[in-house]
């Protein structure tokens, strides 16, 4: 089965990607240059050139405190 995984370079993603890769044909999407699909899912349109059976979303903002209303809203996207 094909798996699309967001957030592979984050805390959760780093800790489970190896396990997921042993169970599925895993491809990653994110802002790390090592991701299969390099993009910011909060800003960019996702265009995939293949189909996936499962999508697992583990991306998110962490370790930051919003400084203004725009930054606060970015957490809701």
PDB file of N, CA and C in Angstrom:
ATOM      1  N   UNK A   1       0.837  -1.188   0.000  1.00  0.00           N
ATOM      2  CA  UNK A   1       0.000   0.000   0.000  1.00  0.00           C
ATOM      3  C   UNK A   1       0.880   1.249   0.000  1.00  0.00           C
ATOM      4  N   UNK A   2       0.413   2.267  -0.696  1.00  0.00           N
ATOM      5  CA  UNK A   2       1.132   3.542  -0.777  1.00  0.00           C
ATOM      6  C   UNK A   2       0.651   4.491   0.310  1.00  0.00           C
ATOM      7  N   UNK A   3       1.616   5.118   1.003  1.00  0.00           N
ATOM      8  CA  UNK A   3       1.323   6.032   2.101  1.00  0.00           C
ATOM      9  C   UNK A   3       1.938   7.387   1.817  1.00  0.00           C
ATOM     10  N   UNK A   4       1.152   8.452   1.964  1.00  0.00           N
ATOM     11  CA  UNK A   4       1.651   9.820   1.890  1.00  0.00           C
ATOM     12  C   UNK A   4       1.733  10.345   3.321  1.00  0.00           C
ATOM     13  N   UNK A   5       2.908  10.806   3.725  1.00  0.00           N
ATOM     14  CA  UNK A   5       3.162  11.180   5.115  1.00  0.00           C
ATOM     15  C   UNK A   5       3.669  12.610   5.192  1.00  0.00           C
ATOM     16  N   UNK A   6       2.946  13.475   5.904  1.00  0.00           N
ATOM     17  CA  UNK A   6       3.386  14.849   6.121  1.00  0.00           C
ATOM     18  C   UNK A   6       4.080  14.940   7.476  1.00  0.00           C
ATOM     19  N   UNK A   7       5.076  15.806   7.569  1.00  0.00           N
ATOM     20  CA  UNK A   7       5.743  16.024   8.843  1.00  0.00           C
ATOM     21  C   UNK A   7       6.843  15.040   9.178  1.00  0.00           C
ATOM     22  N   UNK A   8       7.431  14.425   8.178  1.00  0.00           N
ATOM     23  CA  UNK A   8       8.468  13.408   8.418  1.00  0.00           C
ATOM     24  C   UNK A   8       9.719  13.963   9.080  1.00  0.00           C
ATOM     25  N   UNK A   9       9.959  15.262   8.966  1.00  0.00           N
ATOM     26  CA  UNK A   9      11.170  15.836   9.568  1.00  0.00           C
ATOM     27  C   UNK A   9      10.926  16.377  10.979  1.00  0.00           C
ATOM     28  N   UNK A  10       9.687  16.313  11.453  1.00  0.00           N
ATOM     29  CA  UNK A  10       9.370  16.787  12.801  1.00  0.00           C
ATOM     30  C   UNK A  10       9.621  15.725  13.855  1.00  0.00           C
ATOM     31  N   UNK A  11       9.320  16.059  15.098  1.00  0.00           N
ATOM     32  CA  UNK A  11       9.570  15.141  16.208  1.00  0.00           C
ATOM     33  C   UNK A  11       8.848  13.809  16.030  1.00  0.00           C
ATOM     34  N   UNK A  12       7.543  13.858  15.799  1.00  0.00           N
ATOM     35  CA  UNK A  12       6.776  12.632  15.617  1.00  0.00           C
ATOM     36  C   UNK A  12       7.226  11.887  14.361  1.00  0.00           C
ATOM     37  N   UNK A  13       7.340  12.624  13.260  1.00  0.00           N
ATOM     38  CA  UNK A  13       7.705  12.003  11.995  1.00  0.00           C
ATOM     39  C   UNK A  13       9.032  11.279  12.030  1.00  0.00           C
ATOM     40  N   UNK A  14      10.036  11.906  12.615  1.00  0.00           N
ATOM     41  CA  UNK A  14      11.364  11.276  12.703  1.00  0.00           C
ATOM     42  C   UNK A  14      11.307   9.967  13.484  1.00  0.00           C
ATOM     43  N   UNK A  15      10.412   9.905  14.440  1.00  0.00           N
ATOM     44  CA  UNK A  15      10.345   8.730  15.294  1.00  0.00           C
ATOM     45  C   UNK A  15       9.505   7.583  14.740  1.00  0.00           C
ATOM     46  N   UNK A  16       8.692   7.849  13.730  1.00  0.00           N
ATOM     47  CA  UNK A  16       7.863   6.764  13.194  1.00  0.00           C
ATOM     48  C   UNK A  16       8.076   6.470  11.711  1.00  0.00           C
ATOM     49  N   UNK A  17       8.857   7.296  11.011  1.00  0.00           N
ATOM     50  CA  UNK A  17       9.020   7.083   9.568  1.00  0.00           C
ATOM     51  C   UNK A  17       9.647   5.730   9.247  1.00  0.00           C
ATOM     52  N   UNK A  18      10.654   5.306   9.997  1.00  0.00           N
ATOM     53  CA  UNK A  18      11.266   4.006   9.723  1.00  0.00           C
ATOM     54  C   UNK A  18      10.251   2.873   9.845  1.00  0.00           C
ATOM     55  N   UNK A  19       9.430   2.929  10.879  1.00  0.00           N
ATOM     56  CA  UNK A  19       8.403   1.897  11.071  1.00  0.00           C
ATOM     57  C   UNK A  19       7.380   1.928   9.932  1.00  0.00           C
ATOM     58  N   UNK A  20       6.950   3.132   9.553  1.00  0.00           N
ATOM     59  CA  UNK A  20       5.989   3.253   8.457  1.00  0.00           C
ATOM     60  C   UNK A  20       6.575   2.728   7.151  1.00  0.00           C
ATOM     61  N   UNK A  21       7.854   3.027   6.912  1.00  0.00           N
ATOM     62  CA  UNK A  21       8.506   2.600   5.671  1.00  0.00           C
ATOM     63  C   UNK A  21       8.645   1.085   5.591  1.00  0.00           C
ATOM     64  N   UNK A  22       8.696   0.431   6.733  1.00  0.00           N
ATOM     65  CA  UNK A  22       8.780  -1.033   6.711  1.00  0.00           C
ATOM     66  C   UNK A  22       7.416  -1.675   6.444  1.00  0.00           C
ATOM     67  N   UNK A  23       6.347  -0.923   6.676  1.00  0.00           N
ATOM     68  CA  UNK A  23       4.998  -1.451   6.481  1.00  0.00           C
ATOM     69  C   UNK A  23       4.346  -1.001   5.178  1.00  0.00           C
ATOM     70  N   UNK A  24       4.753   0.178   4.684  1.00  0.00           N
ATOM     71  CA  UNK A  24       4.124   0.777   3.508  1.00  0.00           C
ATOM     72  C   UNK A  24       5.176   1.295   2.540  1.00  0.00           C
ATOM     73  N   UNK A  25       4.747   1.564   1.332  1.00  0.00           N
ATOM     74  CA  UNK A  25       5.551   2.291   0.355  1.00  0.00           C
ATOM     75  C   UNK A  25       5.332   3.767   0.684  1.00  0.00           C
ATOM     76  N   UNK A  26       6.197   4.320   1.533  1.00  0.00           N
ATOM     77  CA  UNK A  26       5.977   5.664   2.083  1.00  0.00           C
ATOM     78  C   UNK A  26       6.681   6.744   1.282  1.00  0.00           C
ATOM     79  N   UNK A  27       5.957   7.824   1.013  1.00  0.00           N
ATOM     80  CA  UNK A  27       6.497   9.035   0.409  1.00  0.00           C
ATOM     81  C   UNK A  27       6.189  10.183   1.355  1.00  0.00           C
ATOM     82  N   UNK A  28       7.087  11.154   1.439  1.00  0.00           N
ATOM     83  CA  UNK A  28       6.899  12.256   2.373  1.00  0.00           C
ATOM     84  C   UNK A  28       6.642  13.563   1.643  1.00  0.00           C
ATOM     85  N   UNK A  29       5.945  14.454   2.338  1.00  0.00           N
ATOM     86  CA  UNK A  29       5.691  15.797   1.832  1.00  0.00           C
ATOM     87  C   UNK A  29       6.001  16.775   2.954  1.00  0.00           C
ATOM     88  N   UNK A  30       6.767  17.833   2.635  1.00  0.00           N
ATOM     89  CA  UNK A  30       7.117  18.816   3.647  1.00  0.00           C
ATOM     90  C   UNK A  30       8.136  19.818   3.177  1.00  0.00           C
ATOM     91  N   UNK A  31       8.716  20.538   4.131  1.00  0.00           N
ATOM     92  CA  UNK A  31       9.631  21.638   3.820  1.00  0.00           C
ATOM     93  C   UNK A  31      11.099  21.238   3.960  1.00  0.00           C
ATOM     94  N   UNK A  32      11.368  19.958   4.079  1.00  0.00           N
ATOM     95  CA  UNK A  32      12.737  19.467   4.148  1.00  0.00           C
ATOM     96  C   UNK A  32      13.160  19.050   2.742  1.00  0.00           C
ATOM     97  N   UNK A  33      14.366  19.367   2.353  1.00  0.00           N
ATOM     98  CA  UNK A  33      14.819  19.046   0.996  1.00  0.00           C
ATOM     99  C   UNK A  33      14.869  17.536   0.737  1.00  0.00           C
ATOM    100  N   UNK A  34      14.817  16.731   1.773  1.00  0.00           N
ATOM    101  CA  UNK A  34      14.831  15.275   1.609  1.00  0.00           C
ATOM    102  C   UNK A  34      13.437  14.693   1.391  1.00  0.00           C
ATOM    103  N   UNK A  35      12.398  15.525   1.525  1.00  0.00           N
ATOM    104  CA  UNK A  35      11.038  15.048   1.290  1.00  0.00           C
ATOM    105  C   UNK A  35      10.831  14.735  -0.181  1.00  0.00           C
ATOM    106  N   UNK A  36       9.993  13.745  -0.461  1.00  0.00           N
ATOM    107  CA  UNK A  36       9.680  13.403  -1.849  1.00  0.00           C
ATOM    108  C   UNK A  36       8.932  14.518  -2.550  1.00  0.00           C
ATOM    109  N   UNK A  37       8.010  15.166  -1.830  1.00  0.00           N
ATOM    110  CA  UNK A  37       7.287  16.330  -2.336  1.00  0.00           C
ATOM    111  C   UNK A  37       7.669  17.507  -1.449  1.00  0.00           C
ATOM    112  N   UNK A  38       8.432  18.443  -2.000  1.00  0.00           N
ATOM    113  CA  UNK A  38       8.914  19.592  -1.241  1.00  0.00           C
ATOM    114  C   UNK A  38       7.943  20.746  -1.380  1.00  0.00           C
ATOM    115  N   UNK A  39       7.200  21.050  -0.306  1.00  0.00           N
ATOM    116  CA  UNK A  39       6.277  22.186  -0.302  1.00  0.00           C
ATOM    117  C   UNK A  39       5.805  22.447   1.112  1.00  0.00           C
ATOM    118  N   UNK A  40       5.285  23.643   1.311  1.00  0.00           N
ATOM    119  CA  UNK A  40       4.711  24.036   2.588  1.00  0.00           C
ATOM    120  C   UNK A  40       3.209  23.827   2.482  1.00  0.00           C
ATOM    121  N   UNK A  41       2.687  22.827   3.181  1.00  0.00           N
ATOM    122  CA  UNK A  41       1.268  22.494   3.026  1.00  0.00           C
ATOM    123  C   UNK A  41       0.340  23.592   3.509  1.00  0.00           C
ATOM    124  N   UNK A  42       0.854  24.557   4.291  1.00  0.00           N
ATOM    125  CA  UNK A  42       0.032  25.682   4.745  1.00  0.00           C
ATOM    126  C   UNK A  42      -0.077  26.770   3.678  1.00  0.00           C
ATOM    127  N   UNK A  43       0.833  26.764   2.705  1.00  0.00           N
ATOM    128  CA  UNK A  43       0.864  27.843   1.710  1.00  0.00           C
ATOM    129  C   UNK A  43       0.706  27.361   0.276  1.00  0.00           C
ATOM    130  N   UNK A  44       1.217  26.195  -0.034  1.00  0.00           N
ATOM    131  CA  UNK A  44       1.272  25.735  -1.417  1.00  0.00           C
ATOM    132  C   UNK A  44       0.133  24.768  -1.737  1.00  0.00           C
ATOM    133  N   UNK A  45      -0.269  24.762  -2.985  1.00  0.00           N
ATOM    134  CA  UNK A  45      -1.243  23.785  -3.454  1.00  0.00           C
ATOM    135  C   UNK A  45      -0.534  22.452  -3.614  1.00  0.00           C
ATOM    136  N   UNK A  46      -1.176  21.400  -3.169  1.00  0.00           N
ATOM    137  CA  UNK A  46      -0.572  20.074  -3.262  1.00  0.00           C
ATOM    138  C   UNK A  46      -1.005  19.433  -4.575  1.00  0.00           C
ATOM    139  N   UNK A  47      -0.028  19.162  -5.437  1.00  0.00           N
ATOM    140  CA  UNK A  47      -0.281  18.484  -6.694  1.00  0.00           C
ATOM    141  C   UNK A  47       0.562  17.214  -6.690  1.00  0.00           C
ATOM    142  N   UNK A  48      -0.100  16.076  -6.686  1.00  0.00           N
ATOM    143  CA  UNK A  48       0.594  14.793  -6.618  1.00  0.00           C
ATOM    144  C   UNK A  48       0.581  14.119  -7.976  1.00  0.00           C
ATOM    145  N   UNK A  49       1.672  13.450  -8.302  1.00  0.00           N
ATOM    146  CA  UNK A  49       1.778  12.776  -9.588  1.00  0.00           C
ATOM    147  C   UNK A  49       1.553  11.275  -9.454  1.00  0.00           C
ATOM    148  N   UNK A  50       1.082  10.863  -8.298  1.00  0.00           N
ATOM    149  CA  UNK A  50       0.785   9.455  -8.062  1.00  0.00           C
ATOM    150  C   UNK A  50      -0.369   9.353  -7.081  1.00  0.00           C
ATOM    151  N   UNK A  51      -0.940   8.165  -6.966  1.00  0.00           N
ATOM    152  CA  UNK A  51      -2.065   7.953  -6.064  1.00  0.00           C
ATOM    153  C   UNK A  51      -1.589   7.272  -4.787  1.00  0.00           C
ATOM    154  N   UNK A  52      -2.281   7.575  -3.692  1.00  0.00           N
ATOM    155  CA  UNK A  52      -1.943   6.990  -2.403  1.00  0.00           C
ATOM    156  C   UNK A  52      -3.172   6.339  -1.794  1.00  0.00           C
ATOM    157  N   UNK A  53      -2.944   5.237  -1.093  1.00  0.00           N
ATOM    158  CA  UNK A  53      -4.021   4.545  -0.403  1.00  0.00           C
ATOM    159  C   UNK A  53      -4.317   5.188   0.946  1.00  0.00           C
ATOM    160  N   UNK A  54      -3.287   5.736   1.573  1.00  0.00           N
ATOM    161  CA  UNK A  54      -3.405   6.311   2.914  1.00  0.00           C
ATOM    162  C   UNK A  54      -2.648   7.634   2.957  1.00  0.00           C
ATOM    163  N   UNK A  55      -3.209   8.617   3.646  1.00  0.00           N
ATOM    164  CA  UNK A  55      -2.503   9.870   3.938  1.00  0.00           C
ATOM    165  C   UNK A  55      -2.455  10.031   5.450  1.00  0.00           C
ATOM    166  N   UNK A  56      -1.256  10.228   5.977  1.00  0.00           N
ATOM    167  CA  UNK A  56      -1.073  10.412   7.411  1.00  0.00           C
ATOM    168  C   UNK A  56      -0.477  11.795   7.637  1.00  0.00           C
ATOM    169  N   UNK A  57      -1.209  12.643   8.354  1.00  0.00           N
ATOM    170  CA  UNK A  57      -0.803  14.029   8.567  1.00  0.00           C
ATOM    171  C   UNK A  57      -0.223  14.200   9.961  1.00  0.00           C
ATOM    172  N   UNK A  58       1.092  14.478  10.031  1.00  0.00           N
ATOM    173  CA  UNK A  58       1.758  14.683  11.319  1.00  0.00           C
ATOM    174  C   UNK A  58       2.534  15.999  11.336  1.00  0.00           C
ATOM    175  N   UNK A  59       2.273  16.860  10.371  1.00  0.00           N
ATOM    176  CA  UNK A  59       2.976  18.146  10.304  1.00  0.00           C
ATOM    177  C   UNK A  59       2.294  19.157  11.207  1.00  0.00           C
ATOM    178  N   UNK A  60       3.068  20.089  11.693  1.00  0.00           N
ATOM    179  CA  UNK A  60       2.486  21.135  12.518  1.00  0.00           C
ATOM    180  C   UNK A  60       3.523  22.137  12.962  1.00  0.00           C
ATOM    181  N   UNK A  61       3.067  23.205  13.548  1.00  0.00           N
ATOM    182  CA  UNK A  61       3.965  24.222  14.105  1.00  0.00           C
ATOM    183  C   UNK A  61       4.223  23.872  15.562  1.00  0.00           C
ATOM    184  N   UNK A  62       5.467  24.037  15.967  1.00  0.00           N
ATOM    185  CA  UNK A  62       5.821  23.756  17.359  1.00  0.00           C
ATOM    186  C   UNK A  62       6.976  24.647  17.783  1.00  0.00           C
ATOM    187  N   UNK A  63       7.135  24.791  19.081  1.00  0.00           N
ATOM    188  CA  UNK A  63       8.269  25.519  19.652  1.00  0.00           C
ATOM    189  C   UNK A  63       8.336  26.972  19.202  1.00  0.00           C
ATOM    190  N   UNK A  64       7.176  27.595  19.053  1.00  0.00           N
ATOM    191  CA  UNK A  64       7.138  29.000  18.671  1.00  0.00           C
ATOM    192  C   UNK A  64       5.922  29.659  19.328  1.00  0.00           C
ATOM    193  N   UNK A  65       6.057  30.908  19.677  1.00  0.00           N
ATOM    194  CA  UNK A  65       4.956  31.673  20.256  1.00  0.00           C
ATOM    195  C   UNK A  65       4.599  32.788  19.283  1.00  0.00           C
ATOM    196  N   UNK A  66       3.331  32.862  18.848  1.00  0.00           N
ATOM    197  CA  UNK A  66       2.936  33.903  17.904  1.00  0.00           C
ATOM    198  C   UNK A  66       3.186  35.308  18.470  1.00  0.00           C
ATOM    199  N   UNK A  67       3.708  36.192  17.615  1.00  0.00           N
ATOM    200  CA  UNK A  67       4.017  37.564  18.022  1.00  0.00           C
ATOM    201  C   UNK A  67       2.929  38.559  17.634  1.00  0.00           C
ATOM    202  N   UNK A  68       2.032  38.147  16.721  1.00  0.00           N
ATOM    203  CA  UNK A  68       0.957  39.041  16.295  1.00  0.00           C
ATOM    204  C   UNK A  68      -0.238  38.201  15.828  1.00  0.00           C
ATOM    205  N   UNK A  69      -1.302  38.873  15.423  1.00  0.00           N
ATOM    206  CA  UNK A  69      -2.524  38.180  15.027  1.00  0.00           C
ATOM    207  C   UNK A  69      -2.322  37.304  13.780  1.00  0.00           C
ATOM    208  N   UNK A  70      -1.531  37.780  12.814  1.00  0.00           N
ATOM    209  CA  UNK A  70      -1.267  36.984  11.609  1.00  0.00           C
ATOM    210  C   UNK A  70      -0.574  35.674  11.954  1.00  0.00           C
ATOM    211  N   UNK A  71       0.416  35.731  12.841  1.00  0.00           N
ATOM    212  CA  UNK A  71       1.101  34.513  13.259  1.00  0.00           C
ATOM    213  C   UNK A  71       0.155  33.598  14.028  1.00  0.00           C
ATOM    214  N   UNK A  72      -0.731  34.162  14.827  1.00  0.00           N
ATOM    215  CA  UNK A  72      -1.720  33.359  15.548  1.00  0.00           C
ATOM    216  C   UNK A  72      -2.632  32.638  14.572  1.00  0.00           C
ATOM    217  N   UNK A  73      -3.064  33.314  13.526  1.00  0.00           N
ATOM    218  CA  UNK A  73      -3.948  32.715  12.526  1.00  0.00           C
ATOM    219  C   UNK A  73      -3.259  31.586  11.754  1.00  0.00           C
ATOM    220  N   UNK A  74      -1.935  31.669  11.614  1.00  0.00           N
ATOM    221  CA  UNK A  74      -1.195  30.631  10.886  1.00  0.00           C
ATOM    222  C   UNK A  74      -1.342  29.266  11.567  1.00  0.00           C
ATOM    223  N   UNK A  75      -1.592  29.241  12.866  1.00  0.00           N
ATOM    224  CA  UNK A  75      -1.787  27.989  13.565  1.00  0.00           C
ATOM    225  C   UNK A  75      -3.119  27.342  13.216  1.00  0.00           C
ATOM    226  N   UNK A  76      -4.051  28.108  12.704  1.00  0.00           N
ATOM    227  CA  UNK A  76      -5.374  27.589  12.391  1.00  0.00           C
ATOM    228  C   UNK A  76      -5.500  27.053  10.974  1.00  0.00           C
ATOM    229  N   UNK A  77      -4.506  27.307  10.153  1.00  0.00           N
ATOM    230  CA  UNK A  77      -4.554  26.864   8.752  1.00  0.00           C
ATOM    231  C   UNK A  77      -4.358  25.374   8.682  1.00  0.00           C
TER     232      UNK A  77
END
